[in-house]
């Protein structure tokens, strides 16, 4: 596939994530007020979309509390700056086994929820976008598995479609794209689909450019895609994603550093990404243009 650079780029800021990053940087937001403020600052810096998880305000641990999501979304919607809301639906699929010598009973940290539970905050808050992690995957932790069975994905995909919330397919490897195509073929998801290519996350797709282009070449024509890599390759992937015809994601979920020895904020990461995109000769588009491009509808909660 010949390279065709994207000339009109939207930037997503992944504001906080669900990892243990809050213990490694004071800039990772915890409370709903902090998460919303960081998202708003990122929007002012040029992010058209903010991708939000929530955390326990006291401990920083990942949470699925609908009330926390409601507070975050209300604060963002009440702000003067406009931005597209993208809420995670990846929580509730955490499986932690015991050690190899005794895998059962399941270990601490297991959080396996129904499709209805995993989407309760989405049904309540009605964001424009919600993520759909399109496969099961081993992560770096020895006995942890991110679990998303085909049956679960069909059910969650149908529920998002019925709610009028646009699924963002999170593809961590080529098989996830393969299954996403099946979901569209079966009418669970609507075409053209929206895809996030998630690179460099152990043990999914490595972030070398050969693998990245294999992922890009598996995105069907007409679909919309963004891409990111974690850690020090976050900013190189801003350029790579645009050059490959896609859009951009940055944020503290994926990387804590602006440069060596300098801890980042979400706002600073977005500003850096805007500079890269514009110096490549592309234009950063805003939330209204993103809604038009992706067919999104901004709605109030139920």
C-alpha atoms as a PDB file:
ATOM      1  CA  UNK A   1       0.000   0.000   0.000  1.00  0.00           C
ATOM      2  CA  UNK A   2       1.513   3.372  -0.982  1.00  0.00           C
ATOM      3  CA  UNK A   3       1.902   5.938   1.761  1.00  0.00           C
ATOM      4  CA  UNK A   4      -0.691   8.689   1.664  1.00  0.00           C
ATOM      5  CA  UNK A   5      -0.098  11.236   4.378  1.00  0.00           C
ATOM      6  CA  UNK A   6      -3.120  12.484   6.305  1.00  0.00           C
ATOM      7  CA  UNK A   7      -3.467  16.235   5.811  1.00  0.00           C
ATOM      8  CA  UNK A   8      -6.315  16.770   8.289  1.00  0.00           C
ATOM      9  CA  UNK A   9      -5.434  15.174  11.612  1.00  0.00           C
ATOM     10  CA  UNK A  10      -7.337  14.833  14.848  1.00  0.00           C
ATOM     11  CA  UNK A  11      -5.523  14.331  18.134  1.00  0.00           C
ATOM     12  CA  UNK A  12      -6.814  12.166  20.973  1.00  0.00           C
ATOM     13  CA  UNK A  13      -5.456  12.699  24.476  1.00  0.00           C
ATOM     14  CA  UNK A  14      -5.526   9.590  26.706  1.00  0.00           C
ATOM     15  CA  UNK A  15      -5.744  11.438  29.989  1.00  0.00           C
ATOM     16  CA  UNK A  16      -4.980   8.977  32.787  1.00  0.00           C
ATOM     17  CA  UNK A  17      -5.420   5.273  31.950  1.00  0.00           C
ATOM     18  CA  UNK A  18      -5.708   2.518  34.541  1.00  0.00           C
ATOM     19  CA  UNK A  19      -2.082   1.537  35.179  1.00  0.00           C
ATOM     20  CA  UNK A  20       0.097   2.263  38.197  1.00  0.00           C
ATOM     21  CA  UNK A  21       1.477   5.445  36.623  1.00  0.00           C
ATOM     22  CA  UNK A  22       0.000   7.631  39.380  1.00  0.00           C
ATOM     23  CA  UNK A  23       2.872   6.494  41.613  1.00  0.00           C
ATOM     24  CA  UNK A  24       5.478   7.639  39.080  1.00  0.00           C
ATOM     25  CA  UNK A  25       4.348  11.164  38.270  1.00  0.00           C
ATOM     26  CA  UNK A  26       2.490  13.850  40.230  1.00  0.00           C
ATOM     27  CA  UNK A  27       0.888  15.008  36.968  1.00  0.00           C
ATOM     28  CA  UNK A  28      -1.251  11.874  36.495  1.00  0.00           C
ATOM     29  CA  UNK A  29      -4.770  12.955  37.551  1.00  0.00           C
ATOM     30  CA  UNK A  30      -6.733  10.886  40.090  1.00  0.00           C
ATOM     31  CA  UNK A  31      -9.920  12.617  41.198  1.00  0.00           C
ATOM     32  CA  UNK A  32     -12.768  13.458  38.810  1.00  0.00           C
ATOM     33  CA  UNK A  33     -11.950  17.149  39.194  1.00  0.00           C
ATOM     34  CA  UNK A  34      -8.281  16.536  38.313  1.00  0.00           C
ATOM     35  CA  UNK A  35      -9.132  14.258  35.372  1.00  0.00           C
ATOM     36  CA  UNK A  36     -11.615  16.755  33.965  1.00  0.00           C
ATOM     37  CA  UNK A  37      -9.226  19.693  34.429  1.00  0.00           C
ATOM     38  CA  UNK A  38      -6.435  17.813  32.651  1.00  0.00           C
ATOM     39  CA  UNK A  39      -8.797  16.849  29.826  1.00  0.00           C
ATOM     40  CA  UNK A  40      -9.945  20.443  29.424  1.00  0.00           C
ATOM     41  CA  UNK A  41      -6.345  21.686  29.345  1.00  0.00           C
ATOM     42  CA  UNK A  42      -5.548  19.080  26.688  1.00  0.00           C
ATOM     43  CA  UNK A  43      -8.528  20.252  24.634  1.00  0.00           C
ATOM     44  CA  UNK A  44      -7.356  23.858  24.851  1.00  0.00           C
ATOM     45  CA  UNK A  45      -3.926  22.706  23.634  1.00  0.00           C
ATOM     46  CA  UNK A  46      -5.427  21.104  20.530  1.00  0.00           C
ATOM     47  CA  UNK A  47      -6.880  17.691  21.399  1.00  0.00           C
ATOM     48  CA  UNK A  48     -10.207  17.160  19.630  1.00  0.00           C
ATOM     49  CA  UNK A  49     -10.944  13.974  21.625  1.00  0.00           C
ATOM     50  CA  UNK A  50     -10.254  13.106  25.256  1.00  0.00           C
ATOM     51  CA  UNK A  51     -10.118   9.426  26.228  1.00  0.00           C
ATOM     52  CA  UNK A  52     -10.986   9.015  29.901  1.00  0.00           C
ATOM     53  CA  UNK A  53     -10.704   6.348  32.587  1.00  0.00           C
ATOM     54  CA  UNK A  54     -11.519   7.050  36.219  1.00  0.00           C
ATOM     55  CA  UNK A  55      -9.578   6.209  39.384  1.00  0.00           C
ATOM     56  CA  UNK A  56     -10.268   5.929  43.079  1.00  0.00           C
ATOM     57  CA  UNK A  57      -9.619   9.519  44.197  1.00  0.00           C
ATOM     58  CA  UNK A  58      -7.814   8.370  47.357  1.00  0.00           C
ATOM     59  CA  UNK A  59      -5.626   5.522  46.117  1.00  0.00           C
ATOM     60  CA  UNK A  60      -5.382   6.158  42.375  1.00  0.00           C
ATOM     61  CA  UNK A  61      -6.456   2.558  41.680  1.00  0.00           C
ATOM     62  CA  UNK A  62      -8.516   1.958  38.529  1.00  0.00           C
ATOM     63  CA  UNK A  63     -12.266   2.147  39.059  1.00  0.00           C
ATOM     64  CA  UNK A  64     -15.558   1.412  37.295  1.00  0.00           C
ATOM     65  CA  UNK A  65     -17.699   3.674  39.490  1.00  0.00           C
ATOM     66  CA  UNK A  66     -20.495   5.208  37.420  1.00  0.00           C
ATOM     67  CA  UNK A  67     -20.695   8.227  39.746  1.00  0.00           C
ATOM     68  CA  UNK A  68     -17.034   9.049  39.088  1.00  0.00           C
ATOM     69  CA  UNK A  69     -17.602   8.870  35.329  1.00  0.00           C
ATOM     70  CA  UNK A  70     -20.685  11.028  35.651  1.00  0.00           C
ATOM     71  CA  UNK A  71     -18.728  13.706  37.513  1.00  0.00           C
ATOM     72  CA  UNK A  72     -15.879  13.677  34.976  1.00  0.00           C
ATOM     73  CA  UNK A  73     -18.214  13.959  31.992  1.00  0.00           C
ATOM     74  CA  UNK A  74     -20.350  16.669  33.588  1.00  0.00           C
ATOM     75  CA  UNK A  75     -17.297  18.759  34.405  1.00  0.00           C
ATOM     76  CA  UNK A  76     -15.952  18.417  30.850  1.00  0.00           C
ATOM     77  CA  UNK A  77     -19.309  19.178  29.245  1.00  0.00           C
ATOM     78  CA  UNK A  78     -19.771  22.259  31.428  1.00  0.00           C
ATOM     79  CA  UNK A  79     -16.391  23.699  30.386  1.00  0.00           C
ATOM     80  CA  UNK A  80     -16.158  26.553  27.913  1.00  0.00           C
ATOM     81  CA  UNK A  81     -13.939  24.518  25.594  1.00  0.00           C
ATOM     82  CA  UNK A  82     -15.579  21.931  23.317  1.00  0.00           C
ATOM     83  CA  UNK A  83     -14.144  18.397  23.030  1.00  0.00           C
ATOM     84  CA  UNK A  84     -15.329  14.942  21.937  1.00  0.00           C
ATOM     85  CA  UNK A  85     -15.786  12.534  24.858  1.00  0.00           C
ATOM     86  CA  UNK A  86     -14.317   9.033  24.565  1.00  0.00           C
ATOM     87  CA  UNK A  87     -14.845   6.792  27.614  1.00  0.00           C
ATOM     88  CA  UNK A  88     -13.087   3.497  28.158  1.00  0.00           C
ATOM     89  CA  UNK A  89     -15.128   0.293  28.255  1.00  0.00           C
ATOM     90  CA  UNK A  90     -12.060  -1.830  28.840  1.00  0.00           C
ATOM     91  CA  UNK A  91     -12.566  -2.306  32.561  1.00  0.00           C
ATOM     92  CA  UNK A  92     -14.201  -5.469  33.847  1.00  0.00           C
ATOM     93  CA  UNK A  93     -12.214  -7.951  31.782  1.00  0.00           C
ATOM     94  CA  UNK A  94      -9.268  -8.498  34.122  1.00  0.00           C
ATOM     95  CA  UNK A  95      -8.335 -12.104  34.833  1.00  0.00           C
ATOM     96  CA  UNK A  96      -5.487 -12.877  37.235  1.00  0.00           C
ATOM     97  CA  UNK A  97      -4.661 -16.536  37.732  1.00  0.00           C
ATOM     98  CA  UNK A  98      -2.740 -18.093  40.568  1.00  0.00           C
ATOM     99  CA  UNK A  99       0.875 -19.157  39.909  1.00  0.00           C
ATOM    100  CA  UNK A 100       1.608 -21.813  37.244  1.00  0.00           C
ATOM    101  CA  UNK A 101       1.680 -24.514  39.914  1.00  0.00           C
ATOM    102  CA  UNK A 102      -1.843 -23.600  41.104  1.00  0.00           C
ATOM    103  CA  UNK A 103      -3.702 -21.378  38.608  1.00  0.00           C
ATOM    104  CA  UNK A 104      -6.964 -21.735  40.539  1.00  0.00           C
ATOM    105  CA  UNK A 105      -8.440 -20.084  42.502  1.00  0.00           C
ATOM    106  CA  UNK A 106      -8.137 -16.825  40.617  1.00  0.00           C
ATOM    107  CA  UNK A 107      -5.905 -14.194  42.181  1.00  0.00           C
ATOM    108  CA  UNK A 108      -6.406 -10.726  43.596  1.00  0.00           C
ATOM    109  CA  UNK A 109      -7.074  -8.182  40.899  1.00  0.00           C
ATOM    110  CA  UNK A 110      -9.519 -10.359  38.963  1.00  0.00           C
ATOM    111  CA  UNK A 111     -12.450  -8.214  37.853  1.00  0.00           C
ATOM    112  CA  UNK A 112     -14.743 -10.063  35.452  1.00  0.00           C
ATOM    113  CA  UNK A 113     -18.008  -8.220  34.842  1.00  0.00           C
ATOM    114  CA  UNK A 114     -21.032  -8.657  32.578  1.00  0.00           C
ATOM    115  CA  UNK A 115     -21.431  -6.648  29.385  1.00  0.00           C
ATOM    116  CA  UNK A 116     -24.114  -4.581  31.108  1.00  0.00           C
ATOM    117  CA  UNK A 117     -21.796  -3.772  34.019  1.00  0.00           C
ATOM    118  CA  UNK A 118     -18.896  -2.924  31.716  1.00  0.00           C
ATOM    119  CA  UNK A 119     -21.085  -0.454  29.828  1.00  0.00           C
ATOM    120  CA  UNK A 120     -23.120   0.947  32.729  1.00  0.00           C
ATOM    121  CA  UNK A 121     -21.210   4.256  32.701  1.00  0.00           C
ATOM    122  CA  UNK A 122     -21.494   4.488  28.905  1.00  0.00           C
ATOM    123  CA  UNK A 123     -25.274   4.047  29.062  1.00  0.00           C
ATOM    124  CA  UNK A 124     -25.417   6.654  31.843  1.00  0.00           C
ATOM    125  CA  UNK A 125     -23.084   9.295  30.369  1.00  0.00           C
ATOM    126  CA  UNK A 126     -23.658   8.775  26.610  1.00  0.00           C
ATOM    127  CA  UNK A 127     -20.241   9.854  25.329  1.00  0.00           C
ATOM    128  CA  UNK A 128     -19.747  10.213  21.587  1.00  0.00           C
ATOM    129  CA  UNK A 129     -17.189   7.348  21.608  1.00  0.00           C
ATOM    130  CA  UNK A 130     -16.436   4.346  23.818  1.00  0.00           C
ATOM    131  CA  UNK A 131     -13.555   1.922  23.395  1.00  0.00           C
ATOM    132  CA  UNK A 132     -13.980  -1.742  22.464  1.00  0.00           C
ATOM    133  CA  UNK A 133     -10.815  -3.770  23.143  1.00  0.00           C
ATOM    134  CA  UNK A 134     -11.189  -6.194  20.268  1.00  0.00           C
ATOM    135  CA  UNK A 135      -9.469  -9.301  21.664  1.00  0.00           C
ATOM    136  CA  UNK A 136      -7.926 -11.166  24.576  1.00  0.00           C
ATOM    137  CA  UNK A 137      -4.232 -10.565  25.280  1.00  0.00           C
ATOM    138  CA  UNK A 138      -1.416 -11.397  27.680  1.00  0.00           C
ATOM    139  CA  UNK A 139       0.053  -8.279  29.275  1.00  0.00           C
ATOM    140  CA  UNK A 140       3.504  -7.855  30.795  1.00  0.00           C
ATOM    141  CA  UNK A 141       2.369  -9.099  34.199  1.00  0.00           C
ATOM    142  CA  UNK A 142       3.115 -12.802  34.698  1.00  0.00           C
ATOM    143  CA  UNK A 143      -0.397 -14.076  35.423  1.00  0.00           C
ATOM    144  CA  UNK A 144      -2.659 -11.310  34.083  1.00  0.00           C
ATOM    145  CA  UNK A 145      -4.841 -11.663  30.988  1.00  0.00           C
ATOM    146  CA  UNK A 146      -6.959  -8.914  29.412  1.00  0.00           C
ATOM    147  CA  UNK A 147     -10.076 -10.928  28.593  1.00  0.00           C
ATOM    148  CA  UNK A 148     -12.492 -10.044  25.796  1.00  0.00           C
ATOM    149  CA  UNK A 149     -14.183 -13.135  24.391  1.00  0.00           C
ATOM    150  CA  UNK A 150     -15.955 -13.091  21.005  1.00  0.00           C
ATOM    151  CA  UNK A 151     -19.296 -13.443  22.766  1.00  0.00           C
ATOM    152  CA  UNK A 152     -18.547 -10.522  25.074  1.00  0.00           C
ATOM    153  CA  UNK A 153     -17.458  -8.339  22.157  1.00  0.00           C
ATOM    154  CA  UNK A 154     -20.598  -9.126  20.174  1.00  0.00           C
ATOM    155  CA  UNK A 155     -22.772  -8.192  23.137  1.00  0.00           C
ATOM    156  CA  UNK A 156     -20.849  -5.014  23.983  1.00  0.00           C
ATOM    157  CA  UNK A 157     -20.665  -3.989  20.324  1.00  0.00           C
ATOM    158  CA  UNK A 158     -24.419  -4.396  19.889  1.00  0.00           C
ATOM    159  CA  UNK A 159     -25.117  -2.439  23.056  1.00  0.00           C
ATOM    160  CA  UNK A 160     -22.884   0.458  21.978  1.00  0.00           C
ATOM    161  CA  UNK A 161     -24.531   0.539  18.547  1.00  0.00           C
ATOM    162  CA  UNK A 162     -28.014   0.559  20.099  1.00  0.00           C
ATOM    163  CA  UNK A 163     -26.973   3.382  22.458  1.00  0.00           C
ATOM    164  CA  UNK A 164     -25.771   5.470  19.519  1.00  0.00           C
ATOM    165  CA  UNK A 165     -22.227   5.528  20.923  1.00  0.00           C
ATOM    166  CA  UNK A 166     -19.460   5.067  18.349  1.00  0.00           C
ATOM    167  CA  UNK A 167     -17.174   2.132  19.223  1.00  0.00           C
ATOM    168  CA  UNK A 168     -13.463   2.817  18.909  1.00  0.00           C
ATOM    169  CA  UNK A 169     -11.912  -0.567  18.161  1.00  0.00           C
ATOM    170  CA  UNK A 170      -8.718  -0.953  20.181  1.00  0.00           C
ATOM    171  CA  UNK A 171      -6.475  -3.262  18.134  1.00  0.00           C
ATOM    172  CA  UNK A 172      -3.418  -4.572  19.976  1.00  0.00           C
ATOM    173  CA  UNK A 173      -2.497  -7.089  17.273  1.00  0.00           C
ATOM    174  CA  UNK A 174      -3.477  -8.108  13.743  1.00  0.00           C
ATOM    175  CA  UNK A 175      -5.959 -10.740  14.936  1.00  0.00           C
ATOM    176  CA  UNK A 176      -7.929  -8.010  16.670  1.00  0.00           C
ATOM    177  CA  UNK A 177      -8.391  -6.258  13.331  1.00  0.00           C
ATOM    178  CA  UNK A 178      -9.396  -9.562  11.755  1.00  0.00           C
ATOM    179  CA  UNK A 179     -12.147  -9.985  14.335  1.00  0.00           C
ATOM    180  CA  UNK A 180     -13.214  -6.334  13.992  1.00  0.00           C
ATOM    181  CA  UNK A 181     -13.872  -6.976  10.297  1.00  0.00           C
ATOM    182  CA  UNK A 182     -16.029  -9.945  11.299  1.00  0.00           C
ATOM    183  CA  UNK A 183     -18.033  -7.769  13.690  1.00  0.00           C
ATOM    184  CA  UNK A 184     -18.730  -5.346  10.844  1.00  0.00           C
ATOM    185  CA  UNK A 185     -19.585  -8.196   8.427  1.00  0.00           C
ATOM    186  CA  UNK A 186     -22.069  -9.578  10.948  1.00  0.00           C
ATOM    187  CA  UNK A 187     -23.722  -6.185  11.435  1.00  0.00           C
ATOM    188  CA  UNK A 188     -22.659  -5.846  15.074  1.00  0.00           C
ATOM    189  CA  UNK A 189     -20.627  -2.719  14.258  1.00  0.00           C
ATOM    190  CA  UNK A 190     -21.337  -0.212  11.532  1.00  0.00           C
ATOM    191  CA  UNK A 191     -18.962   0.674   8.692  1.00  0.00           C
ATOM    192  CA  UNK A 192     -16.838   2.682   8.307  1.00  0.00           C
ATOM    193  CA  UNK A 193     -15.434   1.662  11.675  1.00  0.00           C
ATOM    194  CA  UNK A 194     -13.092   3.666  13.910  1.00  0.00           C
ATOM    195  CA  UNK A 195      -9.852   1.951  14.946  1.00  0.00           C
ATOM    196  CA  UNK A 196      -7.057   2.736  17.399  1.00  0.00           C
ATOM    197  CA  UNK A 197      -3.809   0.881  16.607  1.00  0.00           C
ATOM    198  CA  UNK A 198      -2.133   0.228  19.970  1.00  0.00           C
ATOM    199  CA  UNK A 199       1.578  -0.408  19.408  1.00  0.00           C
ATOM    200  CA  UNK A 200       4.415  -1.484  21.672  1.00  0.00           C
ATOM    201  CA  UNK A 201       2.333  -2.884  24.533  1.00  0.00           C
ATOM    202  CA  UNK A 202       3.709  -6.191  25.845  1.00  0.00           C
ATOM    203  CA  UNK A 203       2.670  -8.703  24.539  1.00  0.00           C
ATOM    204  CA  UNK A 204       0.744  -7.319  21.614  1.00  0.00           C
ATOM    205  CA  UNK A 205       2.075  -5.835  18.397  1.00  0.00           C
ATOM    206  CA  UNK A 206       5.636  -4.507  18.756  1.00  0.00           C
ATOM    207  CA  UNK A 207       6.122  -0.932  17.617  1.00  0.00           C
ATOM    208  CA  UNK A 208       8.661  -1.522  14.847  1.00  0.00           C
ATOM    209  CA  UNK A 209       7.601   0.062  11.576  1.00  0.00           C
ATOM    210  CA  UNK A 210       7.223  -3.233   9.696  1.00  0.00           C
ATOM    211  CA  UNK A 211       4.637  -4.422  12.202  1.00  0.00           C
ATOM    212  CA  UNK A 212       2.982  -1.008  12.246  1.00  0.00           C
ATOM    213  CA  UNK A 213       2.539  -1.010   8.477  1.00  0.00           C
ATOM    214  CA  UNK A 214       1.181  -4.566   8.651  1.00  0.00           C
ATOM    215  CA  UNK A 215      -1.450  -3.227  11.055  1.00  0.00           C
ATOM    216  CA  UNK A 216      -2.166  -0.206   8.833  1.00  0.00           C
ATOM    217  CA  UNK A 217      -2.494  -2.425   5.762  1.00  0.00           C
ATOM    218  CA  UNK A 218      -5.096  -4.521   7.602  1.00  0.00           C
ATOM    219  CA  UNK A 219      -7.361  -1.530   8.202  1.00  0.00           C
ATOM    220  CA  UNK A 220     -10.084  -1.722   5.527  1.00  0.00           C
ATOM    221  CA  UNK A 221     -10.320   1.098   3.007  1.00  0.00           C
ATOM    222  CA  UNK A 222     -12.634   3.833   4.191  1.00  0.00           C
ATOM    223  CA  UNK A 223     -12.247   3.068   7.912  1.00  0.00           C
ATOM    224  CA  UNK A 224     -10.816   5.770  10.182  1.00  0.00           C
ATOM    225  CA  UNK A 225      -7.748   5.012  12.274  1.00  0.00           C
ATOM    226  CA  UNK A 226      -5.425   6.523  14.831  1.00  0.00           C
ATOM    227  CA  UNK A 227      -2.231   5.062  16.215  1.00  0.00           C
ATOM    228  CA  UNK A 228       0.082   5.425  19.166  1.00  0.00           C
ATOM    229  CA  UNK A 229       3.050   3.812  20.853  1.00  0.00           C
ATOM    230  CA  UNK A 230       3.878   3.865  24.528  1.00  0.00           C
ATOM    231  CA  UNK A 231       6.943   5.270  26.276  1.00  0.00           C
ATOM    232  CA  UNK A 232       9.741   7.002  24.445  1.00  0.00           C
ATOM    233  CA  UNK A 233       8.279   6.211  21.015  1.00  0.00           C
ATOM    234  CA  UNK A 234       5.102   8.185  21.666  1.00  0.00           C
ATOM    235  CA  UNK A 235       6.236  11.263  19.716  1.00  0.00           C
ATOM    236  CA  UNK A 236       7.906   9.368  16.832  1.00  0.00           C
ATOM    237  CA  UNK A 237       4.553   7.632  16.388  1.00  0.00           C
ATOM    238  CA  UNK A 238       2.832  10.988  15.992  1.00  0.00           C
ATOM    239  CA  UNK A 239       4.821  11.423  12.788  1.00  0.00           C
ATOM    240  CA  UNK A 240       4.482   7.769  11.778  1.00  0.00           C
ATOM    241  CA  UNK A 241       0.698   7.774  12.195  1.00  0.00           C
ATOM    242  CA  UNK A 242       0.249  10.925  10.101  1.00  0.00           C
ATOM    243  CA  UNK A 243       2.621   9.691   7.410  1.00  0.00           C
ATOM    244  CA  UNK A 244       0.717   6.391   7.208  1.00  0.00           C
ATOM    245  CA  UNK A 245      -2.577   8.235   6.676  1.00  0.00           C
ATOM    246  CA  UNK A 246      -3.896   8.118  10.221  1.00  0.00           C
ATOM    247  CA  UNK A 247      -4.600  10.260  13.240  1.00  0.00           C
ATOM    248  CA  UNK A 248      -2.754  10.712  16.523  1.00  0.00           C
ATOM    249  CA  UNK A 249      -3.033   9.746  20.177  1.00  0.00           C
ATOM    250  CA  UNK A 250      -0.834  11.032  22.999  1.00  0.00           C
ATOM    251  CA  UNK A 251      -1.314  11.385  26.751  1.00  0.00           C
ATOM    252  CA  UNK A 252      -0.203  10.297  30.198  1.00  0.00           C
ATOM    253  CA  UNK A 253      -1.899   6.916  29.819  1.00  0.00           C
ATOM    254  CA  UNK A 254       0.824   6.050  27.308  1.00  0.00           C
ATOM    255  CA  UNK A 255       3.892   8.034  28.348  1.00  0.00           C
ATOM    256  CA  UNK A 256       4.927  10.133  31.355  1.00  0.00           C
ATOM    257  CA  UNK A 257       7.877  12.034  29.878  1.00  0.00           C
ATOM    258  CA  UNK A 258       8.111  15.108  27.673  1.00  0.00           C
ATOM    259  CA  UNK A 259      11.843  14.611  27.265  1.00  0.00           C
ATOM    260  CA  UNK A 260      14.652  13.066  29.271  1.00  0.00           C
ATOM    261  CA  UNK A 261      14.333  14.197  32.891  1.00  0.00           C
ATOM    262  CA  UNK A 262      11.176  16.260  32.274  1.00  0.00           C
ATOM    263  CA  UNK A 263       7.851  14.836  33.413  1.00  0.00           C
ATOM    264  CA  UNK A 264       5.009  15.697  31.057  1.00  0.00           C
ATOM    265  CA  UNK A 265       1.499  16.993  31.497  1.00  0.00           C
ATOM    266  CA  UNK A 266      -1.290  16.057  29.116  1.00  0.00           C
ATOM    267  CA  UNK A 267      -1.379  19.629  27.866  1.00  0.00           C
ATOM    268  CA  UNK A 268       2.358  19.624  27.087  1.00  0.00           C
ATOM    269  CA  UNK A 269       2.140  16.293  25.233  1.00  0.00           C
ATOM    270  CA  UNK A 270      -0.704  17.603  23.075  1.00  0.00           C
ATOM    271  CA  UNK A 271       1.189  20.824  22.360  1.00  0.00           C
ATOM    272  CA  UNK A 272       4.226  18.788  21.273  1.00  0.00           C
ATOM    273  CA  UNK A 273       2.046  16.629  19.025  1.00  0.00           C
ATOM    274  CA  UNK A 274       0.406  19.689  17.453  1.00  0.00           C
ATOM    275  CA  UNK A 275       3.850  21.053  16.627  1.00  0.00           C
ATOM    276  CA  UNK A 276       4.922  17.803  14.943  1.00  0.00           C
ATOM    277  CA  UNK A 277       1.720  17.539  12.906  1.00  0.00           C
ATOM    278  CA  UNK A 278       1.864  21.155  11.735  1.00  0.00           C
ATOM    279  CA  UNK A 279       5.547  21.004  10.863  1.00  0.00           C
ATOM    280  CA  UNK A 280       4.733  18.032   8.650  1.00  0.00           C
ATOM    281  CA  UNK A 281       2.409  20.296   6.690  1.00  0.00           C
ATOM    282  CA  UNK A 282      -0.852  18.856   8.028  1.00  0.00           C
ATOM    283  CA  UNK A 283      -3.683  20.662   9.787  1.00  0.00           C
ATOM    284  CA  UNK A 284      -4.983  19.771  13.257  1.00  0.00           C
ATOM    285  CA  UNK A 285      -8.778  19.660  13.183  1.00  0.00           C
ATOM    286  CA  UNK A 286     -11.144  20.401  16.047  1.00  0.00           C
ATOM    287  CA  UNK A 287     -14.075  18.603  17.661  1.00  0.00           C
ATOM    288  CA  UNK A 288     -16.806  19.854  15.318  1.00  0.00           C
ATOM    289  CA  UNK A 289     -14.895  18.660  12.262  1.00  0.00           C
ATOM    290  CA  UNK A 290     -14.230  15.340  13.992  1.00  0.00           C
ATOM    291  CA  UNK A 291     -17.947  14.888  14.692  1.00  0.00           C
ATOM    292  CA  UNK A 292     -18.704  15.549  11.032  1.00  0.00           C
ATOM    293  CA  UNK A 293     -15.962  13.212   9.813  1.00  0.00           C
ATOM    294  CA  UNK A 294     -16.897  10.342  12.145  1.00  0.00           C
ATOM    295  CA  UNK A 295     -20.655  10.841  12.192  1.00  0.00           C
ATOM    296  CA  UNK A 296     -20.797  11.591  15.909  1.00  0.00           C
ATOM    297  CA  UNK A 297     -23.683  13.154  17.811  1.00  0.00           C
ATOM    298  CA  UNK A 298     -23.060  15.187  20.949  1.00  0.00           C
ATOM    299  CA  UNK A 299     -25.755  14.320  23.493  1.00  0.00           C
ATOM    300  CA  UNK A 300     -26.631  15.043  27.091  1.00  0.00           C
ATOM    301  CA  UNK A 301     -26.727  12.209  29.638  1.00  0.00           C
ATOM    302  CA  UNK A 302     -29.986  10.367  30.265  1.00  0.00           C
END
